[in-house]
PDB file of N, CA and C in Angstrom:
ATOM      1  N   MET A   1      54.509 261.092 221.940  1.00  0.00           N
ATOM      2  CA  MET A   1      53.641 262.196 222.306  1.00  0.00           C
ATOM      3  C   MET A   1      52.365 262.078 221.475  1.00  0.00           C
ATOM      4  N   VAL A   2      51.238 262.243 222.105  1.00  0.00           N
ATOM      5  CA  VAL A   2      49.945 262.169 221.432  1.00  0.00           C
ATOM      6  C   VAL A   2      49.330 263.560 221.347  1.00  0.00           C
ATOM      7  N   ARG A   3      48.227 263.655 220.621  1.00  0.00           N
ATOM      8  CA  ARG A   3      47.591 264.949 220.362  1.00  0.00           C
ATOM      9  C   ARG A   3      47.256 265.699 221.654  1.00  0.00           C
ATOM     10  N   SER A   4      46.740 265.013 222.656  1.00  0.00           N
ATOM     11  CA  SER A   4      46.374 265.682 223.910  1.00  0.00           C
ATOM     12  C   SER A   4      47.603 266.238 224.634  1.00  0.00           C
ATOM     13  N   GLU A   5      48.728 265.542 224.530  1.00  0.00           N
ATOM     14  CA  GLU A   5      49.963 266.029 225.149  1.00  0.00           C
ATOM     15  C   GLU A   5      50.490 267.269 224.417  1.00  0.00           C
ATOM     16  N   ILE A   6      50.344 267.279 223.099  1.00  0.00           N
ATOM     17  CA  ILE A   6      50.736 268.465 222.330  1.00  0.00           C
ATOM     18  C   ILE A   6      49.868 269.651 222.740  1.00  0.00           C
ATOM     19  N   ALA A   7      48.559 269.412 222.858  1.00  0.00           N
ATOM     20  CA  ALA A   7      47.641 270.482 223.274  1.00  0.00           C
ATOM     21  C   ALA A   7      47.993 270.973 224.671  1.00  0.00           C
ATOM     22  N   SER A   8      48.334 270.072 225.577  1.00  0.00           N
ATOM     23  CA  SER A   8      48.713 270.468 226.946  1.00  0.00           C
ATOM     24  C   SER A   8      49.977 271.318 226.940  1.00  0.00           C
ATOM     25  N   GLU A   9      50.981 270.901 226.154  1.00  0.00           N
ATOM     26  CA  GLU A   9      52.224 271.659 226.068  1.00  0.00           C
ATOM     27  C   GLU A   9      51.974 273.066 225.530  1.00  0.00           C
ATOM     28  N   LEU A  10      51.176 273.149 224.466  1.00  0.00           N
ATOM     29  CA  LEU A  10      50.870 274.461 223.892  1.00  0.00           C
ATOM     30  C   LEU A  10      50.063 275.323 224.857  1.00  0.00           C
ATOM     31  N   ALA A  11      49.132 274.708 225.603  1.00  0.00           N
ATOM     32  CA  ALA A  11      48.340 275.452 226.586  1.00  0.00           C
ATOM     33  C   ALA A  11      49.237 275.978 227.706  1.00  0.00           C
ATOM     34  N   ASN A  12      50.237 275.194 228.104  1.00  0.00           N
ATOM     35  CA  ASN A  12      51.174 275.647 229.139  1.00  0.00           C
ATOM     36  C   ASN A  12      52.066 276.776 228.630  1.00  0.00           C
ATOM     37  N   LEU A  13      52.469 276.693 227.343  1.00  0.00           N
ATOM     38  CA  LEU A  13      53.320 277.733 226.770  1.00  0.00           C
ATOM     39  C   LEU A  13      52.559 279.024 226.502  1.00  0.00           C
ATOM     40  N   HIS A  14      51.255 278.903 226.234  1.00  0.00           N
ATOM     41  CA  HIS A  14      50.423 280.062 225.892  1.00  0.00           C
ATOM     42  C   HIS A  14      49.176 280.085 226.782  1.00  0.00           C
ATOM     43  N   PRO A  15      49.333 280.485 228.057  1.00  0.00           N
ATOM     44  CA  PRO A  15      48.201 280.432 228.993  1.00  0.00           C
ATOM     45  C   PRO A  15      47.057 281.385 228.639  1.00  0.00           C
ATOM     46  N   ASN A  16      47.310 282.359 227.764  1.00  0.00           N
ATOM     47  CA  ASN A  16      46.252 283.299 227.386  1.00  0.00           C
ATOM     48  C   ASN A  16      45.312 282.729 226.320  1.00  0.00           C
ATOM     49  N   ILE A  17      45.651 281.554 225.753  1.00  0.00           N
ATOM     50  CA  ILE A  17      44.787 280.900 224.767  1.00  0.00           C
ATOM     51  C   ILE A  17      44.109 279.713 225.445  1.00  0.00           C
ATOM     52  N   LEU A  18      42.801 279.608 225.270  1.00  0.00           N
ATOM     53  CA  LEU A  18      42.052 278.509 225.877  1.00  0.00           C
ATOM     54  C   LEU A  18      42.468 277.171 225.271  1.00  0.00           C
ATOM     55  N   ARG A  19      42.478 276.138 226.118  1.00  0.00           N
ATOM     56  CA  ARG A  19      42.881 274.804 225.651  1.00  0.00           C
ATOM     57  C   ARG A  19      41.963 274.308 224.535  1.00  0.00           C
ATOM     58  N   LYS A  20      40.652 274.578 224.644  1.00  0.00           N
ATOM     59  CA  LYS A  20      39.734 274.097 223.592  1.00  0.00           C
ATOM     60  C   LYS A  20      40.032 274.786 222.266  1.00  0.00           C
ATOM     61  N   ASP A  21      40.498 276.050 222.307  1.00  0.00           N
ATOM     62  CA  ASP A  21      40.880 276.743 221.083  1.00  0.00           C
ATOM     63  C   ASP A  21      42.148 276.124 220.483  1.00  0.00           C
ATOM     64  N   ILE A  22      43.088 275.766 221.340  1.00  0.00           N
ATOM     65  CA  ILE A  22      44.320 275.118 220.879  1.00  0.00           C
ATOM     66  C   ILE A  22      43.991 273.780 220.231  1.00  0.00           C
ATOM     67  N   GLU A  23      43.099 273.012 220.854  1.00  0.00           N
ATOM     68  CA  GLU A  23      42.696 271.722 220.296  1.00  0.00           C
ATOM     69  C   GLU A  23      42.022 271.910 218.936  1.00  0.00           C
ATOM     70  N   LYS A  24      41.211 272.960 218.809  1.00  0.00           N
ATOM     71  CA  LYS A  24      40.543 273.244 217.542  1.00  0.00           C
ATOM     72  C   LYS A  24      41.566 273.622 216.467  1.00  0.00           C
ATOM     73  N   ILE A  25      42.579 274.411 216.829  1.00  0.00           N
ATOM     74  CA  ILE A  25      43.639 274.799 215.891  1.00  0.00           C
ATOM     75  C   ILE A  25      44.387 273.555 215.404  1.00  0.00           C
ATOM     76  N   ILE A  26      44.720 272.655 216.325  1.00  0.00           N
ATOM     77  CA  ILE A  26      45.410 271.415 215.956  1.00  0.00           C
ATOM     78  C   ILE A  26      44.550 270.603 214.996  1.00  0.00           C
ATOM     79  N   ASP A  27      43.254 270.489 215.295  1.00  0.00           N
ATOM     80  CA  ASP A  27      42.336 269.750 214.420  1.00  0.00           C
ATOM     81  C   ASP A  27      42.264 270.367 213.034  1.00  0.00           C
ATOM     82  N   ILE A  28      42.217 271.695 212.962  1.00  0.00           N
ATOM     83  CA  ILE A  28      42.138 272.389 211.672  1.00  0.00           C
ATOM     84  C   ILE A  28      43.408 272.148 210.853  1.00  0.00           C
ATOM     85  N   ILE A  29      44.564 272.235 211.496  1.00  0.00           N
ATOM     86  CA  ILE A  29      45.832 272.016 210.792  1.00  0.00           C
ATOM     87  C   ILE A  29      45.894 270.597 210.246  1.00  0.00           C
ATOM     88  N   LEU A  30      45.554 269.616 211.067  1.00  0.00           N
ATOM     89  CA  LEU A  30      45.601 268.225 210.618  1.00  0.00           C
ATOM     90  C   LEU A  30      44.585 267.954 209.520  1.00  0.00           C
ATOM     91  N   LEU A  31      43.399 268.566 209.620  1.00  0.00           N
ATOM     92  CA  LEU A  31      42.380 268.398 208.585  1.00  0.00           C
ATOM     93  C   LEU A  31      42.845 268.995 207.255  1.00  0.00           C
ATOM     94  N   GLU A  32      43.492 270.159 207.304  1.00  0.00           N
ATOM     95  CA  GLU A  32      43.995 270.779 206.081  1.00  0.00           C
ATOM     96  C   GLU A  32      45.081 269.924 205.426  1.00  0.00           C
ATOM     97  N   ILE A  33      45.960 269.347 206.232  1.00  0.00           N
ATOM     98  CA  ILE A  33      46.995 268.447 205.692  1.00  0.00           C
ATOM     99  C   ILE A  33      46.328 267.238 205.059  1.00  0.00           C
ATOM    100  N   PHE A  34      45.358 266.644 205.749  1.00  0.00           N
ATOM    101  CA  PHE A  34      44.628 265.483 205.245  1.00  0.00           C
ATOM    102  C   PHE A  34      43.939 265.794 203.921  1.00  0.00           C
ATOM    103  N   GLU A  35      43.253 266.919 203.865  1.00  0.00           N
ATOM    104  CA  GLU A  35      42.528 267.286 202.643  1.00  0.00           C
ATOM    105  C   GLU A  35      43.479 267.604 201.491  1.00  0.00           C
ATOM    106  N   ALA A  36      44.606 268.226 201.780  1.00  0.00           N
ATOM    107  CA  ALA A  36      45.578 268.534 200.726  1.00  0.00           C
ATOM    108  C   ALA A  36      46.171 267.250 200.154  1.00  0.00           C
ATOM    109  N   LEU A  37      46.441 266.270 201.008  1.00  0.00           N
ATOM    110  CA  LEU A  37      46.996 265.008 200.529  1.00  0.00           C
ATOM    111  C   LEU A  37      45.943 264.186 199.793  1.00  0.00           C
ATOM    112  N   ASN A  38      44.678 264.345 200.167  1.00  0.00           N
ATOM    113  CA  ASN A  38      43.581 263.643 199.502  1.00  0.00           C
ATOM    114  C   ASN A  38      43.226 264.275 198.172  1.00  0.00           C
ATOM    115  N   SER A  39      43.537 265.533 197.993  1.00  0.00           N
ATOM    116  CA  SER A  39      43.172 266.288 196.806  1.00  0.00           C
ATOM    117  C   SER A  39      44.147 266.007 195.671  1.00  0.00           C
ATOM    118  N   ASP A  40      43.636 266.097 194.457  1.00  0.00           N
ATOM    119  CA  ASP A  40      44.508 265.967 193.285  1.00  0.00           C
ATOM    120  C   ASP A  40      45.108 267.310 192.878  1.00  0.00           C
ATOM    121  N   LYS A  41      44.662 268.406 193.512  1.00  0.00           N
ATOM    122  CA  LYS A  41      45.157 269.742 193.174  1.00  0.00           C
ATOM    123  C   LYS A  41      46.593 269.965 193.635  1.00  0.00           C
ATOM    124  N   PHE A  42      46.975 269.328 194.740  1.00  0.00           N
ATOM    125  CA  PHE A  42      48.282 269.580 195.339  1.00  0.00           C
ATOM    126  C   PHE A  42      49.177 268.354 195.196  1.00  0.00           C
ATOM    127  N   SER A  43      50.457 268.584 195.010  1.00  0.00           N
ATOM    128  CA  SER A  43      51.394 267.469 194.898  1.00  0.00           C
ATOM    129  C   SER A  43      51.856 266.994 196.276  1.00  0.00           C
ATOM    130  N   GLY A  44      51.613 267.795 197.305  1.00  0.00           N
ATOM    131  CA  GLY A  44      52.022 267.417 198.643  1.00  0.00           C
ATOM    132  C   GLY A  44      51.918 268.586 199.595  1.00  0.00           C
ATOM    133  N   VAL A  45      52.412 268.378 200.804  1.00  0.00           N
ATOM    134  CA  VAL A  45      52.391 269.410 201.837  1.00  0.00           C
ATOM    135  C   VAL A  45      53.819 269.593 202.322  1.00  0.00           C
ATOM    136  N   GLN A  46      54.273 270.842 202.333  1.00  0.00           N
ATOM    137  CA  GLN A  46      55.622 271.142 202.803  1.00  0.00           C
ATOM    138  C   GLN A  46      55.528 271.995 204.056  1.00  0.00           C
ATOM    139  N   LEU A  47      56.106 271.489 205.145  1.00  0.00           N
ATOM    140  CA  LEU A  47      56.210 272.251 206.387  1.00  0.00           C
ATOM    141  C   LEU A  47      57.695 272.542 206.575  1.00  0.00           C
ATOM    142  N   ARG A  48      58.097 273.739 206.231  1.00  0.00           N
ATOM    143  CA  ARG A  48      59.523 274.090 206.261  1.00  0.00           C
ATOM    144  C   ARG A  48      60.097 273.892 207.652  1.00  0.00           C
ATOM    145  N   GLY A  49      61.266 273.308 207.683  1.00  0.00           N
ATOM    146  CA  GLY A  49      61.924 273.014 208.941  1.00  0.00           C
ATOM    147  C   GLY A  49      61.470 271.701 209.552  1.00  0.00           C
ATOM    148  N   PHE A  50      60.429 271.082 208.988  1.00  0.00           N
ATOM    149  CA  PHE A  50      59.925 269.801 209.499  1.00  0.00           C
ATOM    150  C   PHE A  50      60.039 268.715 208.447  1.00  0.00           C
ATOM    151  N   GLY A  51      59.364 268.906 207.291  1.00  0.00           N
ATOM    152  CA  GLY A  51      59.444 267.900 206.248  1.00  0.00           C
ATOM    153  C   GLY A  51      58.368 268.051 205.198  1.00  0.00           C
ATOM    154  N   ASN A  52      58.371 267.129 204.252  1.00  0.00           N
ATOM    155  CA  ASN A  52      57.422 267.116 203.153  1.00  0.00           C
ATOM    156  C   ASN A  52      56.573 265.850 203.215  1.00  0.00           C
ATOM    157  N   PHE A  53      55.265 266.012 203.037  1.00  0.00           N
ATOM    158  CA  PHE A  53      54.339 264.895 202.943  1.00  0.00           C
ATOM    159  C   PHE A  53      53.861 264.821 201.504  1.00  0.00           C
ATOM    160  N   SER A  54      53.813 263.633 200.939  1.00  0.00           N
ATOM    161  CA  SER A  54      53.261 263.455 199.605  1.00  0.00           C
ATOM    162  C   SER A  54      52.594 262.090 199.535  1.00  0.00           C
ATOM    163  N   THR A  55      51.768 261.902 198.503  1.00  0.00           N
ATOM    164  CA  THR A  55      51.132 260.601 198.324  1.00  0.00           C
ATOM    165  C   THR A  55      51.881 259.837 197.247  1.00  0.00           C
ATOM    166  N   LYS A  56      51.834 258.547 197.380  1.00  0.00           N
ATOM    167  CA  LYS A  56      52.515 257.682 196.429  1.00  0.00           C
ATOM    168  C   LYS A  56      51.598 256.489 196.192  1.00  0.00           C
ATOM    169  N   ILE A  57      51.585 255.993 194.976  1.00  0.00           N
ATOM    170  CA  ILE A  57      50.771 254.833 194.631  1.00  0.00           C
ATOM    171  C   ILE A  57      51.614 253.578 194.830  1.00  0.00           C
ATOM    172  N   GLN A  58      51.127 252.664 195.668  1.00  0.00           N
ATOM    173  CA  GLN A  58      51.776 251.365 195.807  1.00  0.00           C
ATOM    174  C   GLN A  58      51.134 250.429 194.803  1.00  0.00           C
ATOM    175  N   LYS A  59      51.920 249.808 193.972  1.00  0.00           N
ATOM    176  CA  LYS A  59      51.408 248.936 192.926  1.00  0.00           C
ATOM    177  C   LYS A  59      50.740 247.702 193.522  1.00  0.00           C
ATOM    178  N   ALA A  60      49.817 247.142 192.754  1.00  0.00           N
ATOM    179  CA  ALA A  60      49.186 245.884 193.148  1.00  0.00           C
ATOM    180  C   ALA A  60      50.262 244.803 193.156  1.00  0.00           C
ATOM    181  N   ARG A  61      50.119 243.850 194.064  1.00  0.00           N
ATOM    182  CA  ARG A  61      51.132 242.796 194.154  1.00  0.00           C
ATOM    183  C   ARG A  61      50.518 241.526 194.725  1.00  0.00           C
ATOM    184  N   THR A  62      51.255 240.464 194.632  1.00  0.00           N
ATOM    185  CA  THR A  62      50.842 239.194 195.209  1.00  0.00           C
ATOM    186  C   THR A  62      51.472 239.080 196.585  1.00  0.00           C
ATOM    187  N   GLY A  63      50.677 238.671 197.566  1.00  0.00           N
ATOM    188  CA  GLY A  63      51.178 238.516 198.919  1.00  0.00           C
ATOM    189  C   GLY A  63      50.778 237.168 199.473  1.00  0.00           C
ATOM    190  N   ARG A  64      51.085 236.962 200.737  1.00  0.00           N
ATOM    191  CA  ARG A  64      50.767 235.701 201.385  1.00  0.00           C
ATOM    192  C   ARG A  64      50.107 235.991 202.724  1.00  0.00           C
ATOM    193  N   ASN A  65      48.985 235.327 202.992  1.00  0.00           N
ATOM    194  CA  ASN A  65      48.298 235.455 204.270  1.00  0.00           C
ATOM    195  C   ASN A  65      49.140 234.753 205.335  1.00  0.00           C
ATOM    196  N   PRO A  66      49.589 235.458 206.362  1.00  0.00           N
ATOM    197  CA  PRO A  66      50.463 234.830 207.364  1.00  0.00           C
ATOM    198  C   PRO A  66      49.749 233.774 208.227  1.00  0.00           C
ATOM    199  N   LYS A  67      48.414 233.841 208.318  1.00  0.00           N
ATOM    200  CA  LYS A  67      47.683 232.865 209.140  1.00  0.00           C
ATOM    201  C   LYS A  67      47.631 231.482 208.500  1.00  0.00           C
ATOM    202  N   ASN A  68      47.373 231.469 207.179  1.00  0.00           N
ATOM    203  CA  ASN A  68      47.188 230.163 206.539  1.00  0.00           C
ATOM    204  C   ASN A  68      48.073 229.955 205.311  1.00  0.00           C
ATOM    205  N   SER A  69      48.960 230.874 205.020  1.00  0.00           N
ATOM    206  CA  SER A  69      49.917 230.815 203.912  1.00  0.00           C
ATOM    207  C   SER A  69      49.270 230.805 202.533  1.00  0.00           C
ATOM    208  N   ASN A  70      48.002 231.180 202.427  1.00  0.00           N
ATOM    209  CA  ASN A  70      47.353 231.281 201.124  1.00  0.00           C
ATOM    210  C   ASN A  70      47.885 232.491 200.370  1.00  0.00           C
ATOM    211  N   ILE A  71      48.020 232.356 199.066  1.00  0.00           N
ATOM    212  CA  ILE A  71      48.451 233.472 198.222  1.00  0.00           C
ATOM    213  C   ILE A  71      47.242 234.365 197.971  1.00  0.00           C
ATOM    214  N   ILE A  72      47.442 235.684 198.145  1.00  0.00           N
ATOM    215  CA  ILE A  72      46.355 236.639 197.945  1.00  0.00           C
ATOM    216  C   ILE A  72      46.841 237.772 197.051  1.00  0.00           C
ATOM    217  N   GLN A  73      45.897 238.440 196.405  1.00  0.00           N
ATOM    218  CA  GLN A  73      46.213 239.614 195.591  1.00  0.00           C
ATOM    219  C   GLN A  73      45.990 240.857 196.438  1.00  0.00           C
ATOM    220  N   ILE A  74      47.008 241.676 196.557  1.00  0.00           N
ATOM    221  CA  ILE A  74      46.908 242.933 197.293  1.00  0.00           C
ATOM    222  C   ILE A  74      46.691 244.034 196.263  1.00  0.00           C
ATOM    223  N   PRO A  75      45.578 244.773 196.362  1.00  0.00           N
ATOM    224  CA  PRO A  75      45.272 245.771 195.331  1.00  0.00           C
ATOM    225  C   PRO A  75      46.169 247.013 195.435  1.00  0.00           C
ATOM    226  N   GLU A  76      46.171 247.786 194.349  1.00  0.00           N
ATOM    227  CA  GLU A  76      46.881 249.060 194.325  1.00  0.00           C
ATOM    228  C   GLU A  76      46.269 249.994 195.366  1.00  0.00           C
ATOM    229  N   LYS A  77      47.111 250.794 196.027  1.00  0.00           N
ATOM    230  CA  LYS A  77      46.588 251.727 197.029  1.00  0.00           C
ATOM    231  C   LYS A  77      47.512 252.929 197.157  1.00  0.00           C
ATOM    232  N   LYS A  78      46.966 253.995 197.740  1.00  0.00           N
ATOM    233  CA  LYS A  78      47.756 255.192 198.022  1.00  0.00           C
ATOM    234  C   LYS A  78      48.386 255.058 199.402  1.00  0.00           C
ATOM    235  N   ALA A  79      49.568 255.625 199.548  1.00  0.00           N
ATOM    236  CA  ALA A  79      50.258 255.656 200.836  1.00  0.00           C
ATOM    237  C   ALA A  79      50.884 257.038 201.002  1.00  0.00           C
ATOM    238  N   ILE A  80      51.141 257.399 202.231  1.00  0.00           N
ATOM    239  CA  ILE A  80      51.784 258.676 202.530  1.00  0.00           C
ATOM    240  C   ILE A  80      53.289 258.467 202.574  1.00  0.00           C
ATOM    241  N   LYS A  81      53.998 259.362 201.918  1.00  0.00           N
ATOM    242  CA  LYS A  81      55.454 259.370 201.946  1.00  0.00           C
ATOM    243  C   LYS A  81      55.868 260.644 202.674  1.00  0.00           C
ATOM    244  N   TRP A  82      56.805 260.502 203.614  1.00  0.00           N
ATOM    245  CA  TRP A  82      57.280 261.672 204.361  1.00  0.00           C
ATOM    246  C   TRP A  82      58.792 261.718 204.280  1.00  0.00           C
ATOM    247  N   LYS A  83      59.301 262.904 204.009  1.00  0.00           N
ATOM    248  CA  LYS A  83      60.750 263.112 203.993  1.00  0.00           C
ATOM    249  C   LYS A  83      61.058 264.281 204.910  1.00  0.00           C
ATOM    250  N   MET A  84      61.920 264.041 205.879  1.00  0.00           N
ATOM    251  CA  MET A  84      62.240 265.116 206.813  1.00  0.00           C
ATOM    252  C   MET A  84      63.130 266.162 206.163  1.00  0.00           C
ATOM    253  N   SER A  85      63.023 267.383 206.680  1.00  0.00           N
ATOM    254  CA  SER A  85      63.828 268.479 206.154  1.00  0.00           C
ATOM    255  C   SER A  85      65.280 268.325 206.597  1.00  0.00           C
ATOM    256  N   LYS A  86      66.164 269.012 205.902  1.00  0.00           N
ATOM    257  CA  LYS A  86      67.577 268.977 206.281  1.00  0.00           C
ATOM    258  C   LYS A  86      67.787 269.563 207.672  1.00  0.00           C
ATOM    259  N   THR A  87      67.013 270.599 207.994  1.00  0.00           N
ATOM    260  CA  THR A  87      67.117 271.211 209.324  1.00  0.00           C
ATOM    261  C   THR A  87      66.768 270.204 210.408  1.00  0.00           C
ATOM    262  N   PHE A  88      65.674 269.484 210.208  1.00  0.00           N
ATOM    263  CA  PHE A  88      65.236 268.481 211.175  1.00  0.00           C
ATOM    264  C   PHE A  88      66.260 267.345 211.256  1.00  0.00           C
ATOM    265  N   PHE A  89      66.731 266.885 210.095  1.00  0.00           N
ATOM    266  CA  PHE A  89      67.725 265.815 210.053  1.00  0.00           C
ATOM    267  C   PHE A  89      68.980 266.203 210.822  1.00  0.00           C
ATOM    268  N   ASN A  90      69.477 267.412 210.560  1.00  0.00           N
ATOM    269  CA  ASN A  90      70.690 267.870 211.242  1.00  0.00           C
ATOM    270  C   ASN A  90      70.470 268.016 212.736  1.00  0.00           C
ATOM    271  N   SER A  91      69.270 268.432 213.134  1.00  0.00           N
ATOM    272  CA  SER A  91      68.953 268.561 214.552  1.00  0.00           C
ATOM    273  C   SER A  91      68.949 267.200 215.240  1.00  0.00           C
ATOM    274  N   LEU A  92      68.387 266.202 214.566  1.00  0.00           N
ATOM    275  CA  LEU A  92      68.354 264.847 215.136  1.00  0.00           C
ATOM    276  C   LEU A  92      69.733 264.217 215.198  1.00  0.00           C
ATOM    277  N   ASN A  93      70.581 264.549 214.241  1.00  0.00           N
ATOM    278  CA  ASN A  93      71.874 263.886 214.108  1.00  0.00           C
ATOM    279  C   ASN A  93      73.048 264.796 214.425  1.00  0.00           C
ATOM    280  N   LYS A  94      72.845 265.755 215.325  1.00  0.00           N
ATOM    281  CA  LYS A  94      73.904 266.726 215.575  1.00  0.00           C
ATOM    282  C   LYS A  94      75.138 266.119 216.233  1.00  0.00           C
ATOM    283  N   TYR A  95      75.009 264.940 216.842  1.00  0.00           N
ATOM    284  CA  TYR A  95      76.167 264.320 217.492  1.00  0.00           C
ATOM    285  C   TYR A  95      76.852 263.291 216.599  1.00  0.00           C
ATOM    286  N   PHE A  96      76.349 263.114 215.376  1.00  0.00           N
ATOM    287  CA  PHE A  96      76.929 262.138 214.465  1.00  0.00           C
ATOM    288  C   PHE A  96      77.576 262.847 213.291  1.00  0.00           C
ATOM    289  N   THR A  97      78.753 262.394 212.917  1.00  0.00           N
ATOM    290  CA  THR A  97      79.419 262.921 211.723  1.00  0.00           C
ATOM    291  C   THR A  97      79.973 261.733 210.952  1.00  0.00           C
ATOM    292  N   GLU A  98      79.550 261.587 209.729  1.00  0.00           N
ATOM    293  CA  GLU A  98      80.018 260.523 208.844  1.00  0.00           C
ATOM    294  C   GLU A  98      79.952 259.153 209.509  1.00  0.00           C
ATOM    295  N   ASN A  99      78.772 258.812 210.064  1.00  0.00           N
ATOM    296  CA  ASN A  99      78.498 257.510 210.685  1.00  0.00           C
ATOM    297  C   ASN A  99      79.359 257.218 211.915  1.00  0.00           C
ATOM    298  N   LYS A 100      79.967 258.211 212.496  1.00  0.00           N
ATOM    299  CA  LYS A 100      80.768 258.036 213.703  1.00  0.00           C
ATOM    300  C   LYS A 100      80.242 258.967 214.768  1.00  0.00           C
ATOM    301  N   ILE A 101      80.252 258.540 216.001  1.00  0.00           N
ATOM    302  CA  ILE A 101      79.828 259.403 217.094  1.00  0.00           C
ATOM    303  C   ILE A 101      80.938 260.413 217.348  1.00  0.00           C
ATOM    304  N   SER A 102      80.565 261.679 217.364  1.00  0.00           N
ATOM    305  CA  SER A 102      81.584 262.712 217.566  1.00  0.00           C
ATOM    306  C   SER A 102      81.945 262.828 219.048  1.00  0.00           C
ATOM    307  N   ASP A 103      83.035 263.488 219.317  1.00  0.00           N
ATOM    308  CA  ASP A 103      83.499 263.674 220.684  1.00  0.00           C
ATOM    309  C   ASP A 103      82.866 264.879 221.354  1.00  0.00           C
ATOM    310  N   THR A 104      82.005 265.601 220.660  1.00  0.00           N
ATOM    311  CA  THR A 104      81.481 266.862 221.199  1.00  0.00           C
ATOM    312  C   THR A 104      80.107 266.744 221.789  1.00  0.00           C
ATOM    313  N   HIS A 105      79.689 265.601 222.276  1.00  0.00           N
ATOM    314  CA  HIS A 105      78.358 265.512 222.897  1.00  0.00           C
ATOM    315  C   HIS A 105      78.542 265.417 224.364  1.00  0.00           C
TER     316      HIS A 105
END
């Protein structure tokens, strides 16, 4: 699902709100998440029932160029780490119990 499909779904669920307003709301939410993760003030973003976003530093390392097999230095960089909530995890895995498919699906 892409951003436009999310906006369409929300517009269908809430016909009294204009689609352009829904798109603006989505943009504002994503911008706030982006800015919070970019900021040093916050340790991360928590969306209860969905998951936690945080930044993590990937250490500099030596890598290999796959085109010509030359050894290259990959610099240190920030990456996004996401951990889903227990609610979301349980919702996704409701038919699985202890690595076995349950009989109740």
